[in-house]
Structure formats: C-alpha cells, structure tokens
Amino acid sequence: MALTADQVVRRLRAFEQGKPLPSGETLRVQRLPDEQILILVFVRMGGESAPWGIAYGRPGRKPDILTTPEPRTRDAVAEMVAQLAPTLLTHLNHPKYSHWGPDPDTKLPPFQVWLPNRSHLEMLHHLAYAYTFTKFGERSRHVRLNQLGHACGWLFREAQRPGQTITMAATDVLTEAYTFPAETTRQGHLGFLLAWLQTRGSREARMAAAAAAEEQSIATTIDPTEERDELVPGLETYNTARAAKNMPGMEKAARMIRRVLVEELGRRFDLTERAIAVLHADKRRENRYLDDLMEASLDEHRRQFRRIERQVDDAEDGPAFRPSPETDRHPSAAASRYYVSEASEELRDHLLVHDDRELQAELVAAGEAIAGRIVEVRDEGEGRKTIPVWVVESNGALPLRLREDSALCVVGLPGRELRIRNIERTPDLRYRFELQVTKLLHGPHDNDGSVLPAASPRLKRRTVVLVKPSMHQIGRRRSFLVWKRDVPGAWLTHRVPKVPEVDLPKEIGEDLTAITVRRA
C-alpha cells in the first residue's frame, strides 16, 4: 500500500532521529488489565496447515504449551487442539463456558486476544477450516472442536473488520502506534520492531539490533534450517519407533521434538508479551473514543458469536447463520457483513480524530477538514426559529477538497453539524466559509454551560476545527435492511429463483434453507 505524504514525512523524521516516533497524540488501542488478555501463538511444520505446537496464557505468567510429535497425524493434532478449547472458549465467553452465563444479551467486560503477527491470524483460519464442521472422533471431543472452530473463525473474521478492538496482531498494533525508520515489508517482524523500540543508543545500534532480531523467525513456520537440522531427525526417529511399536523410542523422540518447539513457542510468546508491555509503558493517554470502539466490538461479539452459538435469530442481523470458512454461501449474510465493515471503517476514521490533534492536522493538511477562526456569528431565524450561521476564515495556502453543501461537524462536539453554504477567497488569500449549523443548535441535554448555543455571539473569534461527520449509521441501517424480504430485489439475496430460464447449477445456487439448518 502506498504511503501518504504525511506518512513519508513522519518516516523521514524517524530516520533523522534514528528511532521510532509516536504516531498520534493519543494511543489508539486500549490497554486492558492482564486478566482480560489472552496471548495465543502457534508454530507449524513447513508445508502443513495444522499446528505443531500452541502456547497460550496471560501476560506476566508462564504460558501453557501444547505440542504433538507428529503434526501430520490428524488425531494427535485434534487431541492437542481440543485441550486449548476450554481456555479460549472461556476467554471469549462462549455461552457454554462463560462465567457470565449463556444469555447472549448479557453485558460483558472488555477482552482481547493477542497474536504475534498476521501469520498467526491465518492459523486461526486454518483451525476454523479444520474443525468448524468436523465429526471426527468421539462426540464430546468433536463438539468441543466444533466450538473451537466457530471461535477461531469468528476471531479471524473480526480481525478483518476495521476498528475492531478484540483480535490484536502485535505487529499491526505497534506499526499503528509508532512510525519506524524502516521499509514497510520489514515491519511485519515483531522482533525487528521491538529491537527498534527497546534498544538504547545511536541509530546504528538500533539498526544492528533490529537486523539481528530479524534473523529469528516469529511467524508460524520455524526457520527451515533449524527445522531440518533439529526437528526432522527427531521426527524421523519418532516415526521409525512408532512403526516398530517401540514406546521408549517414541517417548525419547517426542521429548526431543518438544524441547525445540517449547523454545520456539516461548520466544514468540515472550515477544508478544513485550509488545503489550511497550504499550502499557507508553506515556500517551488513550483516545477517549476507544470506549465507543470497544463497545462496538462487544456488540459484534454478541451478535455474531454468542447469539449464533445459542442459535438465536435476530430481526436486524438475520438468522443464526454460521459462515463457512471457505466462502460466504449466504448472499444476505455476505451483503450484511459488507455494510457492517463499511460502517465500522467510517466509525473508526471519524471518531478517533475528535480526540487527537495530530489526526486533525493530517486531515487539514490533506484538505479534508477546516482549521480556522469564527469571524462572524448571526441568527437568520425568525420568531422562535433559530438558524445559526457562522463565517469561518482559514489558511488559503492549504489544499481544499471540501465543496459547497458538504457536511461538517465540530471537533470535540461531533453532534454539532454544519453545512457549507458558500466558499470564497478573501483579498488576503484566505478561505472564507459560510456555514449553517444544522444540528445541536442549543447544546446537549446534559450541558453544564461549557457548550454555548450555536447562535451565541460569544463564539466569535473562537478557533474551531471542522471535520466530516461519521455516516456509519447509514451502513449499519443498510446491513439491517438486507434481511428484509418485502423489498425490491429481495430475490437476489434471499432465495434462488425457481423458473426454468434462471435455474442455476447447484454449486452456484446455494440452498439457503439447508445451510441455515441448526447444527449440533
């Protein structure tokens, strides 16, 4: 993805100073207590999609580590993964494991799942693919594996939703919180980022430490040389002993394999733990609107995980349909999730800016916002009707991508919206905006006197920053409307047409009734 002009400037400044620089006036990720965080890391054999080992636990505590000597043995991997299930499902408040009970509408405390980088997110997808619908093994185990598959699938899908605050890839969090003086492609390595952040000294010392850290793999795959030299001999010994039914030989080889896997998993766990510690040590305050994003994430968790696990249909979010790990399969669900993702991105982009002056400055520099002074306030209303009008002047040397009739809102008071009536240039080359206040004319209901009425003359000469208001409600409303069956075009999203000239092949025309049937 191409860098913006602001990102290029920040990266050059970071290189000039020889160290990572904070991005933004505020932190854009919540710092939760350790008991509300679960760290989850994986390693796998090269070429395989099943985990070879799993480490999980709370920050500041010794992790639990699960391994299997032969990751190509499906039953052994399933047994290992099933041991992870109770901890992960309890942390995610699965209805059958939650300390808060099974009611999907119960208000839950915030929680997060941290992983080292995006390759570990992909393992969640692999686990969802392997176990969401499995019927392999005894019923108690395959039901638990199904539940784990559902949970991993939801975590993976939630990670793709902009503004979510639950599935945290440490490298993504750090690169959003800091600007690193390094190529973008190298910033997917967690050890590399932490070396830049935690090494003291000159730029050269930090670069050397980062390069050394980069040599150790933190992805789900193990370094090929190490796998070939240390693990493959033990794996061959294990399989030879298993073929000969030599139990002592199998146990010895399994111990040798586990020793290497424990070291690899422990290092990845430690790096993730250090990333969390870096954020907790950051002196910046959290953006005050993060609570709104966390509330939105918990609402998604309630609607798309707990509700579906309880098989509860919803008038706004549709039936208790569980998405396939392979594809959407349900057109209404796919359309609804698209609109939810669109609304989430809109909410994130237009919410955090109200509490971060650096984000505001970026928008002003890009011509997407106005930073100026109110030079005139008048009321064009008659009688009891109030029509407040502001005249705002700003720097005319800056670019401008706003047009007449554009909607804006006041930074710090997002409920007060305005519409641009007119834009002109003054003789001294300044922008002069005439804006009509359209919402929150008199102030909020709980106003303590700090918010003046929009028509108050006392607003004159005040500086204001005006940004675009969030339109996330529109996307969310569309996601609800998708489920209505009595609107034009509903046949496209709710059923396959049943006339000869539009019959579709079975692999294209999904049987929506069949795929929404309740599963155990």
Protein backbone atom coordinates (compact mmCIF):
# COMPACT_ATOMS: atom_id res chain seq x y z
CA MET A 1 0.00 0.00 0.00
CA ALA A 2 1.38 3.40 -0.99
CA LEU A 3 2.36 5.83 1.75
CA THR A 4 0.62 9.18 2.11
CA ALA A 5 2.64 12.39 2.14
CA ASP A 6 2.24 12.64 5.93
CA GLN A 7 3.48 9.08 6.41
CA VAL A 8 6.53 9.75 4.24
CA VAL A 9 7.38 12.87 6.26
CA ARG A 10 6.96 11.03 9.57
CA ARG A 11 9.18 8.17 8.39
CA LEU A 12 11.89 10.59 7.28
CA ARG A 13 11.75 12.31 10.66
CA ALA A 14 12.04 8.95 12.40
CA PHE A 15 15.10 8.12 10.28
CA GLU A 16 16.60 11.53 11.03
CA GLN A 17 16.24 10.97 14.77
CA GLY A 18 17.33 7.35 14.48
CA LYS A 19 14.44 5.87 16.46
CA PRO A 20 10.70 5.10 16.22
CA LEU A 21 8.46 8.10 16.85
CA PRO A 22 4.96 8.04 18.36
CA SER A 23 2.17 8.28 15.79
CA GLY A 24 -0.64 10.47 17.02
CA GLU A 25 -1.22 12.49 20.13
CA THR A 26 -3.14 9.61 21.71
CA LEU A 27 -2.94 5.82 21.76
CA ARG A 28 -5.46 4.12 19.50
CA VAL A 29 -5.56 0.79 21.31
CA GLN A 30 -6.98 0.06 24.74
CA ARG A 31 -4.60 -1.12 27.46
CA LEU A 32 -6.56 -3.78 29.33
CA PRO A 33 -5.54 -5.49 32.59
CA ASP A 34 -3.57 -8.72 32.16
CA GLU A 35 -6.50 -10.88 33.26
CA GLN A 36 -8.54 -9.59 30.31
CA ILE A 37 -5.86 -10.55 27.75
CA LEU A 38 -5.08 -13.96 26.29
CA ILE A 39 -1.87 -14.40 24.27
CA LEU A 40 -2.06 -17.11 21.63
CA VAL A 41 0.86 -18.27 19.46
CA PHE A 42 1.42 -21.18 17.08
CA VAL A 43 4.19 -23.00 15.24
CA ARG A 44 3.67 -25.40 12.37
CA MET A 45 5.71 -27.69 10.19
CA GLY A 46 6.77 -26.27 6.84
CA GLY A 47 4.13 -27.05 4.22
CA GLU A 48 1.46 -28.02 6.77
CA SER A 49 -1.57 -26.01 7.86
CA ALA A 50 -2.14 -27.77 11.20
CA PRO A 51 -0.33 -26.52 14.32
CA TRP A 52 2.70 -28.42 15.58
CA GLY A 53 2.62 -26.57 18.88
CA ILE A 54 0.48 -23.98 20.70
CA ALA A 55 1.33 -21.61 23.56
CA TYR A 56 -1.30 -19.60 25.39
CA GLY A 57 -1.70 -17.69 28.61
CA ARG A 58 -1.91 -14.31 30.34
CA PRO A 59 0.83 -11.67 30.18
CA GLY A 60 3.21 -11.92 33.12
CA ARG A 61 2.58 -15.63 33.64
CA LYS A 62 4.26 -18.76 32.38
CA PRO A 63 2.34 -19.93 29.29
CA ASP A 64 0.72 -23.31 28.85
CA ILE A 65 2.39 -25.12 25.96
CA LEU A 66 0.89 -27.96 23.91
CA THR A 67 2.85 -29.94 21.32
CA THR A 68 2.46 -33.04 19.22
CA PRO A 69 5.46 -35.01 17.93
CA GLU A 70 3.87 -35.66 14.50
CA PRO A 71 1.78 -32.76 13.11
CA ARG A 72 0.70 -34.86 10.11
CA THR A 73 -1.27 -37.21 12.36
CA ARG A 74 -4.77 -35.76 12.31
CA ASP A 75 -5.97 -37.40 15.51
CA ALA A 76 -2.93 -36.26 17.53
CA VAL A 77 -3.37 -32.65 16.36
CA ALA A 78 -7.11 -32.76 17.14
CA GLU A 79 -6.37 -34.01 20.65
CA MET A 80 -3.89 -31.19 21.18
CA VAL A 81 -6.26 -28.53 19.85
CA ALA A 82 -9.11 -29.87 21.99
CA GLN A 83 -7.00 -29.11 25.08
CA LEU A 84 -6.85 -25.44 24.03
CA ALA A 85 -10.63 -25.21 23.58
CA PRO A 86 -11.80 -24.67 27.20
CA THR A 87 -9.38 -21.78 27.82
CA LEU A 88 -10.10 -19.98 24.56
CA LEU A 89 -13.87 -20.52 24.77
CA THR A 90 -13.96 -19.31 28.37
CA HIS A 91 -11.97 -16.19 27.42
CA LEU A 92 -14.37 -15.49 24.52
CA ASN A 93 -17.38 -16.04 26.80
CA HIS A 94 -18.83 -18.85 24.75
CA PRO A 95 -22.38 -19.45 26.10
CA LYS A 96 -21.43 -22.90 27.43
CA TYR A 97 -18.18 -21.76 29.04
CA SER A 98 -18.79 -18.17 30.12
CA HIS A 99 -18.67 -17.19 33.78
CA TRP A 100 -21.36 -14.64 32.89
CA GLY A 101 -23.93 -17.19 31.77
CA PRO A 102 -25.38 -18.17 28.37
CA ASP A 103 -27.65 -15.15 27.74
CA PRO A 104 -26.30 -13.53 24.53
CA ASP A 105 -27.57 -10.11 25.69
CA THR A 106 -25.51 -10.12 28.91
CA LYS A 107 -23.22 -7.10 29.12
CA LEU A 108 -19.63 -8.39 29.19
CA PRO A 109 -16.36 -6.75 30.25
CA PRO A 110 -13.79 -5.94 27.51
CA PHE A 111 -11.30 -8.63 26.47
CA GLN A 112 -8.58 -9.13 23.86
CA VAL A 113 -6.74 -11.96 22.13
CA TRP A 114 -3.16 -11.06 21.16
CA LEU A 115 -1.09 -12.82 18.50
CA PRO A 116 2.46 -12.03 17.31
CA ASN A 117 1.65 -11.14 13.69
CA ARG A 118 -0.76 -11.81 10.84
CA SER A 119 0.58 -15.30 10.06
CA HIS A 120 -0.82 -16.39 13.43
CA LEU A 121 -4.17 -14.90 12.40
CA GLU A 122 -4.04 -17.17 9.37
CA MET A 123 -3.66 -20.17 11.68
CA LEU A 124 -6.99 -19.21 13.24
CA HIS A 125 -8.48 -19.52 9.76
CA HIS A 126 -6.84 -22.94 9.31
CA LEU A 127 -8.31 -24.12 12.62
CA ALA A 128 -11.75 -22.84 11.63
CA TYR A 129 -11.46 -24.68 8.32
CA ALA A 130 -10.38 -27.91 10.01
CA TYR A 131 -12.84 -28.04 12.91
CA THR A 132 -15.95 -25.93 12.28
CA PHE A 133 -17.91 -28.87 10.89
CA THR A 134 -15.77 -31.87 11.85
CA LYS A 135 -17.46 -35.05 13.08
CA PHE A 136 -14.21 -36.96 13.62
CA GLY A 137 -13.68 -38.73 16.95
CA GLU A 138 -15.97 -39.23 19.92
CA ARG A 139 -18.91 -36.85 20.23
CA SER A 140 -17.70 -34.93 23.30
CA ARG A 141 -14.44 -34.14 21.55
CA HIS A 142 -15.80 -33.25 18.14
CA VAL A 143 -18.43 -30.96 19.69
CA ARG A 144 -15.65 -29.17 21.57
CA LEU A 145 -13.63 -28.95 18.36
CA ASN A 146 -16.66 -27.57 16.52
CA GLN A 147 -16.99 -24.87 19.17
CA LEU A 148 -13.30 -24.07 18.89
CA GLY A 149 -13.60 -23.87 15.10
CA HIS A 150 -16.50 -21.45 15.44
CA ALA A 151 -14.48 -19.29 17.86
CA CYS A 152 -11.37 -19.24 15.65
CA GLY A 153 -13.48 -18.43 12.61
CA TRP A 154 -15.11 -15.50 14.38
CA LEU A 155 -11.76 -14.17 15.66
CA PHE A 156 -10.30 -14.37 12.15
CA ARG A 157 -13.30 -12.61 10.56
CA GLU A 158 -13.39 -9.97 13.30
CA ALA A 159 -9.70 -9.22 12.66
CA GLN A 160 -10.68 -8.08 9.15
CA ARG A 161 -13.28 -5.57 10.41
CA PRO A 162 -11.85 -2.03 10.58
CA GLY A 163 -11.84 -0.52 14.04
CA GLN A 164 -12.27 -3.81 15.94
CA THR A 165 -10.52 -3.98 19.31
CA ILE A 166 -10.52 -7.70 20.19
CA THR A 167 -8.25 -9.67 17.81
CA MET A 168 -4.90 -7.91 18.14
CA ALA A 169 -1.91 -8.71 15.91
CA ALA A 170 1.04 -7.20 17.80
CA THR A 171 2.87 -6.03 14.67
CA ASP A 172 -0.23 -4.19 13.41
CA VAL A 173 -0.74 -2.51 16.79
CA LEU A 174 2.89 -1.34 17.03
CA THR A 175 3.08 -0.03 13.47
CA GLU A 176 -0.09 1.99 14.07
CA ALA A 177 1.20 3.36 17.38
CA TYR A 178 4.72 4.23 16.15
CA THR A 179 6.47 5.31 12.96
CA PHE A 180 9.55 3.15 12.32
CA PRO A 181 12.52 4.27 10.20
CA ALA A 182 12.46 1.11 8.10
CA GLU A 183 10.91 -0.40 4.99
CA THR A 184 7.25 -1.39 5.25
CA THR A 185 7.97 -5.01 4.28
CA ARG A 186 10.27 -5.45 7.30
CA GLN A 187 7.69 -4.17 9.76
CA GLY A 188 5.81 -7.47 9.81
CA HIS A 189 8.51 -8.92 12.08
CA LEU A 190 7.73 -8.40 15.77
CA GLY A 191 11.31 -8.90 16.99
CA PHE A 192 12.51 -6.31 14.47
CA LEU A 193 10.01 -3.71 15.76
CA LEU A 194 10.77 -4.38 19.42
CA ALA A 195 14.51 -4.08 18.82
CA TRP A 196 13.95 -0.62 17.35
CA LEU A 197 11.76 0.35 20.31
CA GLN A 198 13.77 -1.10 23.19
CA THR A 199 17.41 -0.75 22.11
CA ARG A 200 19.21 2.28 23.52
CA GLY A 201 21.90 4.24 21.74
CA SER A 202 22.51 5.55 18.26
CA ARG A 203 20.59 4.86 15.09
CA GLU A 204 23.33 2.43 14.04
CA ALA A 205 22.99 0.49 17.31
CA ARG A 206 19.24 0.21 16.90
CA MET A 207 19.58 -0.85 13.26
CA ALA A 208 22.09 -3.55 14.18
CA ALA A 209 19.86 -4.89 16.96
CA ALA A 210 16.84 -4.90 14.65
CA ALA A 211 18.75 -6.73 11.93
CA ALA A 212 19.92 -9.37 14.42
CA ALA A 213 16.39 -9.85 15.78
CA GLU A 214 15.06 -10.18 12.25
CA GLU A 215 17.12 -13.32 11.71
CA GLN A 216 14.89 -15.30 14.10
CA SER A 217 11.52 -16.39 12.79
CA ILE A 218 8.41 -15.16 14.61
CA ALA A 219 5.89 -16.44 12.05
CA THR A 220 4.06 -19.73 12.49
CA THR A 221 6.75 -21.51 10.47
CA ILE A 222 10.09 -22.40 12.01
CA ASP A 223 13.36 -21.39 10.36
CA PRO A 224 13.89 -24.03 7.60
CA THR A 225 17.49 -24.69 8.62
CA GLU A 226 16.54 -25.24 12.25
CA GLU A 227 13.64 -27.48 11.25
CA ARG A 228 15.90 -29.56 9.00
CA ASP A 229 18.78 -29.84 11.46
CA GLU A 230 16.96 -30.13 14.80
CA LEU A 231 13.41 -31.31 14.23
CA VAL A 232 13.45 -33.55 11.18
CA PRO A 233 15.92 -36.08 12.72
CA GLY A 234 13.73 -36.34 15.82
CA LEU A 235 10.62 -36.67 13.65
CA GLU A 236 12.21 -39.48 11.61
CA THR A 237 13.27 -41.25 14.80
CA TYR A 238 9.75 -40.91 16.19
CA ASN A 239 8.10 -42.36 13.08
CA THR A 240 10.60 -45.22 12.89
CA ALA A 241 9.94 -46.08 16.54
CA ARG A 242 6.18 -45.81 16.00
CA ALA A 243 6.33 -48.23 13.06
CA ALA A 244 8.25 -50.67 15.25
CA LYS A 245 5.88 -50.02 18.20
CA ASN A 246 8.91 -49.01 20.24
CA MET A 247 7.30 -46.93 23.01
CA PRO A 248 10.55 -45.88 24.78
CA GLY A 249 11.96 -44.73 21.43
CA MET A 250 8.79 -42.77 20.64
CA GLU A 251 8.84 -41.06 24.04
CA LYS A 252 12.52 -40.10 23.70
CA ALA A 253 11.98 -38.63 20.23
CA ALA A 254 8.82 -36.81 21.39
CA ARG A 255 10.79 -35.19 24.23
CA MET A 256 13.47 -34.03 21.80
CA ILE A 257 10.85 -32.53 19.47
CA ARG A 258 9.00 -30.87 22.33
CA ARG A 259 12.17 -29.25 23.65
CA VAL A 260 12.71 -27.40 20.37
CA LEU A 261 9.04 -26.48 19.98
CA VAL A 262 8.82 -25.17 23.55
CA GLU A 263 11.78 -22.88 22.87
CA GLU A 264 10.24 -21.59 19.64
CA LEU A 265 6.80 -21.05 21.17
CA GLY A 266 8.25 -19.44 24.29
CA ARG A 267 10.19 -16.90 22.23
CA ARG A 268 7.10 -15.90 20.26
CA PHE A 269 5.06 -15.66 23.45
CA ASP A 270 7.74 -13.52 25.10
CA LEU A 271 7.85 -11.11 22.12
CA THR A 272 4.08 -10.68 22.21
CA GLU A 273 4.23 -10.09 25.96
CA ARG A 274 6.92 -7.45 25.41
CA ALA A 275 4.79 -5.70 22.79
CA ILE A 276 1.95 -5.40 25.31
CA ALA A 277 4.41 -4.07 27.92
CA VAL A 278 5.65 -1.40 25.48
CA LEU A 279 2.13 -0.09 25.05
CA HIS A 280 1.49 -0.12 28.80
CA ALA A 281 4.69 1.90 29.33
CA ASP A 282 3.76 4.49 26.68
CA LYS A 283 3.13 7.85 28.35
CA ARG A 284 0.42 8.90 25.91
CA ARG A 285 -3.14 8.73 27.11
CA GLU A 286 -5.69 6.53 25.36
CA ASN A 287 -8.03 8.17 22.88
CA ARG A 288 -11.22 8.81 24.82
CA TYR A 289 -13.34 7.43 21.99
CA LEU A 290 -11.75 3.98 22.24
CA ASP A 291 -14.53 3.02 24.63
CA ASP A 292 -17.00 3.52 21.77
CA LEU A 293 -14.97 1.23 19.51
CA MET A 294 -14.73 -1.42 22.23
CA GLU A 295 -18.48 -1.18 22.78
CA ALA A 296 -18.99 -1.69 19.03
CA SER A 297 -16.67 -4.73 19.14
CA LEU A 298 -18.54 -6.24 22.08
CA ASP A 299 -21.79 -5.65 20.19
CA GLU A 300 -20.35 -7.55 17.22
CA HIS A 301 -19.25 -10.31 19.61
CA ARG A 302 -22.80 -10.51 20.98
CA ARG A 303 -24.43 -10.51 17.53
CA GLN A 304 -22.01 -12.64 15.54
CA PHE A 305 -20.64 -15.08 18.10
CA ARG A 306 -22.68 -15.55 21.28
CA ARG A 307 -26.04 -15.16 19.52
CA ILE A 308 -25.12 -17.62 16.80
CA GLU A 309 -23.69 -20.13 19.27
CA ARG A 310 -27.05 -20.01 21.06
CA GLN A 311 -28.85 -20.38 17.69
CA VAL A 312 -30.90 -17.22 18.24
CA ASP A 313 -32.31 -15.49 15.16
CA ASP A 314 -32.33 -11.69 15.08
CA ALA A 315 -34.68 -9.38 13.21
CA GLU A 316 -31.86 -6.96 12.39
CA ASP A 317 -28.87 -9.28 11.93
CA GLY A 318 -30.68 -12.19 10.33
CA PRO A 319 -30.84 -15.90 11.16
CA ALA A 320 -28.27 -17.69 13.29
CA PHE A 321 -26.21 -18.45 10.20
CA ARG A 322 -22.64 -19.63 10.74
CA PRO A 323 -20.39 -18.55 7.85
CA SER A 324 -18.40 -21.23 6.12
CA PRO A 325 -14.58 -20.95 6.42
CA GLU A 326 -14.44 -21.37 2.62
CA THR A 327 -16.86 -18.77 1.24
CA ASP A 328 -19.94 -16.70 2.10
CA ARG A 329 -22.59 -19.19 0.89
CA HIS A 330 -25.37 -16.90 2.10
CA PRO A 331 -25.82 -13.75 -0.07
CA SER A 332 -27.78 -11.84 2.56
CA ALA A 333 -25.15 -12.55 5.23
CA ALA A 334 -22.36 -11.52 2.84
CA ALA A 335 -24.12 -8.26 1.96
CA SER A 336 -24.89 -7.53 5.60
CA ARG A 337 -21.28 -8.09 6.69
CA TYR A 338 -20.05 -5.86 3.87
CA TYR A 339 -22.19 -2.99 5.13
CA VAL A 340 -21.10 -3.64 8.72
CA SER A 341 -17.44 -3.47 7.66
CA GLU A 342 -18.11 -0.26 5.73
CA ALA A 343 -19.87 1.27 8.75
CA SER A 344 -17.05 0.18 11.08
CA GLU A 345 -14.42 1.87 8.94
CA GLU A 346 -16.50 5.05 8.82
CA LEU A 347 -16.93 5.00 12.61
CA ARG A 348 -13.22 4.46 13.29
CA ASP A 349 -11.99 7.10 10.85
CA HIS A 350 -14.37 9.81 12.03
CA LEU A 351 -14.39 9.07 15.76
CA LEU A 352 -10.77 8.99 16.92
CA VAL A 353 -10.00 12.28 15.15
CA HIS A 354 -12.07 14.16 17.74
CA ASP A 355 -9.50 13.44 20.44
CA ASP A 356 -6.23 13.58 18.51
CA ARG A 357 -4.78 16.85 17.22
CA GLU A 358 -2.26 15.06 15.02
CA LEU A 359 -5.06 13.26 13.17
CA GLN A 360 -6.85 16.59 12.83
CA ALA A 361 -3.72 18.22 11.41
CA GLU A 362 -3.39 15.42 8.85
CA LEU A 363 -6.95 15.98 7.64
CA VAL A 364 -6.44 19.75 7.46
CA ALA A 365 -3.19 19.31 5.50
CA ALA A 366 -5.00 16.98 3.09
CA GLY A 367 -7.83 19.47 2.57
CA GLU A 368 -10.39 17.17 4.21
CA ALA A 369 -11.03 19.45 7.23
CA ILE A 370 -11.07 23.13 8.19
CA ALA A 371 -8.99 24.73 10.95
CA GLY A 372 -9.87 28.38 11.33
CA ARG A 373 -11.40 31.19 13.34
CA ILE A 374 -15.06 32.17 13.60
CA VAL A 375 -15.20 35.78 12.42
CA GLU A 376 -18.96 36.21 12.38
CA VAL A 377 -21.97 34.63 14.10
CA ARG A 378 -25.55 35.53 13.17
CA ASP A 379 -29.04 34.15 13.58
CA GLU A 380 -31.16 34.17 10.42
CA GLY A 381 -34.20 32.69 12.11
CA GLU A 382 -37.47 34.48 12.67
CA GLY A 383 -39.54 34.40 15.83
CA ARG A 384 -38.66 31.35 17.89
CA LYS A 385 -36.93 29.61 15.00
CA THR A 386 -33.15 29.68 15.19
CA ILE A 387 -30.94 29.41 12.10
CA PRO A 388 -27.35 29.92 13.31
CA VAL A 389 -24.82 30.88 10.63
CA TRP A 390 -21.06 31.01 11.15
CA VAL A 391 -18.44 32.64 8.96
CA VAL A 392 -15.07 30.94 9.37
CA GLU A 393 -11.74 32.01 7.87
CA SER A 394 -8.78 29.65 7.40
CA ASN A 395 -5.38 29.40 5.74
CA GLY A 396 -5.84 29.77 1.97
CA ALA A 397 -2.46 28.23 1.17
CA LEU A 398 -3.69 24.77 2.13
CA PRO A 399 -5.38 22.41 -0.35
CA LEU A 400 -9.16 22.09 -0.14
CA ARG A 401 -11.27 19.09 -1.12
CA LEU A 402 -14.50 20.30 0.50
CA ARG A 403 -17.33 21.70 -1.59
CA GLU A 404 -20.49 23.65 -1.05
CA ASP A 405 -23.19 21.57 0.66
CA SER A 406 -20.53 19.40 2.31
CA ALA A 407 -21.49 18.33 5.84
CA LEU A 408 -19.06 19.01 8.70
CA CYS A 409 -19.07 18.76 12.48
CA VAL A 410 -17.16 20.49 15.27
CA VAL A 411 -14.16 18.61 16.65
CA GLY A 412 -14.87 17.72 20.26
CA LEU A 413 -18.59 18.20 19.73
CA PRO A 414 -19.47 15.72 16.93
CA GLY A 415 -23.20 16.20 17.44
CA ARG A 416 -22.98 19.82 16.24
CA GLU A 417 -23.15 19.52 12.46
CA LEU A 418 -22.90 22.24 9.84
CA ARG A 419 -23.45 22.58 6.09
CA ILE A 420 -21.19 24.68 3.86
CA ARG A 421 -23.28 27.33 2.14
CA ASN A 422 -20.55 29.23 0.37
CA ILE A 423 -16.76 29.19 -0.14
CA GLU A 424 -14.79 32.20 -1.35
CA ARG A 425 -11.28 33.64 -1.28
CA THR A 426 -10.61 36.88 0.57
CA PRO A 427 -8.28 39.62 -0.82
CA ASP A 428 -5.58 38.49 1.63
CA LEU A 429 -5.79 34.94 0.14
CA ARG A 430 -7.68 33.25 2.95
CA TYR A 431 -10.59 30.84 2.66
CA ARG A 432 -13.88 32.27 3.85
CA PHE A 433 -16.61 29.72 4.62
CA GLU A 434 -20.24 30.50 5.31
CA LEU A 435 -21.77 27.59 7.26
CA GLN A 436 -25.22 26.92 8.63
CA VAL A 437 -25.44 24.96 11.87
CA THR A 438 -27.97 22.18 11.27
CA LYS A 439 -27.79 20.06 14.44
CA LEU A 440 -27.30 20.62 18.17
CA LEU A 441 -28.33 24.26 17.89
CA HIS A 442 -28.70 24.79 21.63
CA GLY A 443 -26.26 22.26 23.11
CA PRO A 444 -26.52 18.75 24.60
CA HIS A 445 -29.20 17.86 27.15
CA ASP A 446 -26.63 17.40 29.92
CA ASN A 447 -24.91 20.70 29.11
CA ASP A 448 -23.09 22.14 32.11
CA GLY A 449 -22.77 25.54 30.46
CA SER A 450 -19.48 24.79 28.70
CA VAL A 451 -21.21 24.37 25.32
CA LEU A 452 -22.63 27.66 24.04
CA PRO A 453 -25.71 27.82 21.81
CA ALA A 454 -24.72 27.83 18.15
CA ALA A 455 -26.08 31.37 17.69
CA SER A 456 -24.24 32.84 20.69
CA PRO A 457 -22.19 35.96 19.82
CA ARG A 458 -19.58 34.76 22.33
CA LEU A 459 -18.45 32.18 19.77
CA LYS A 460 -16.99 34.95 17.63
CA ARG A 461 -13.18 34.88 17.41
CA ARG A 462 -13.02 31.31 18.69
CA THR A 463 -10.82 28.84 16.81
CA VAL A 464 -12.53 25.69 15.55
CA VAL A 465 -11.63 22.55 13.67
CA LEU A 466 -14.37 21.18 11.44
CA VAL A 467 -14.25 17.62 10.10
CA LYS A 468 -16.64 15.38 8.22
CA PRO A 469 -19.24 13.72 10.46
CA SER A 470 -19.47 9.95 10.75
CA MET A 471 -22.07 8.37 8.49
CA HIS A 472 -21.68 4.90 10.00
CA GLN A 473 -25.37 4.77 10.88
CA ILE A 474 -26.20 4.59 7.17
CA GLY A 475 -24.07 1.48 6.62
CA ARG A 476 -25.44 -0.16 9.75
CA ARG A 477 -29.02 0.59 8.66
CA ARG A 478 -28.28 -0.96 5.28
CA SER A 479 -26.97 -4.09 6.99
CA PHE A 480 -30.36 -4.37 8.73
CA LEU A 481 -32.37 -3.69 5.55
CA VAL A 482 -30.59 -6.52 3.72
CA TRP A 483 -32.60 -9.01 5.78
CA LYS A 484 -35.99 -7.61 4.75
CA ARG A 485 -37.82 -9.91 2.36
CA ASP A 486 -40.53 -7.49 1.22
CA VAL A 487 -38.37 -5.06 -0.77
CA PRO A 488 -37.49 -4.93 -4.50
CA GLY A 489 -34.58 -7.21 -5.38
CA ALA A 490 -35.00 -9.41 -2.31
CA TRP A 491 -34.94 -12.49 -4.55
CA LEU A 492 -31.24 -11.78 -5.20
CA THR A 493 -30.28 -12.13 -1.56
CA HIS A 494 -32.94 -14.37 -0.03
CA ARG A 495 -33.66 -17.18 -2.42
CA VAL A 496 -32.65 -18.76 -5.71
CA PRO A 497 -35.24 -18.04 -8.44
CA LYS A 498 -37.24 -21.13 -9.39
CA VAL A 499 -38.15 -20.52 -13.02
CA PRO A 500 -36.57 -22.61 -15.81
CA GLU A 501 -34.79 -19.79 -17.61
CA VAL A 502 -32.86 -18.76 -14.48
CA ASP A 503 -32.11 -22.14 -12.92
CA LEU A 504 -28.59 -22.14 -11.56
CA PRO A 505 -26.16 -25.04 -11.10
CA LYS A 506 -26.13 -26.46 -7.57
CA GLU A 507 -22.59 -25.25 -6.94
CA ILE A 508 -23.72 -21.67 -7.67
CA GLY A 509 -27.29 -21.55 -6.41
CA GLU A 510 -27.00 -22.20 -2.69
CA ASP A 511 -29.81 -23.93 -0.80
CA LEU A 512 -30.29 -21.29 1.87
CA THR A 513 -32.73 -23.42 3.84
CA ALA A 514 -30.20 -26.24 4.11
CA ILE A 515 -27.27 -24.09 5.18
CA THR A 516 -29.25 -22.39 7.94
CA VAL A 517 -30.45 -25.69 9.44
CA ARG A 518 -29.49 -25.96 13.11
CA ARG A 519 -26.31 -27.90 13.68
CA ALA A 520 -25.40 -29.63 16.92
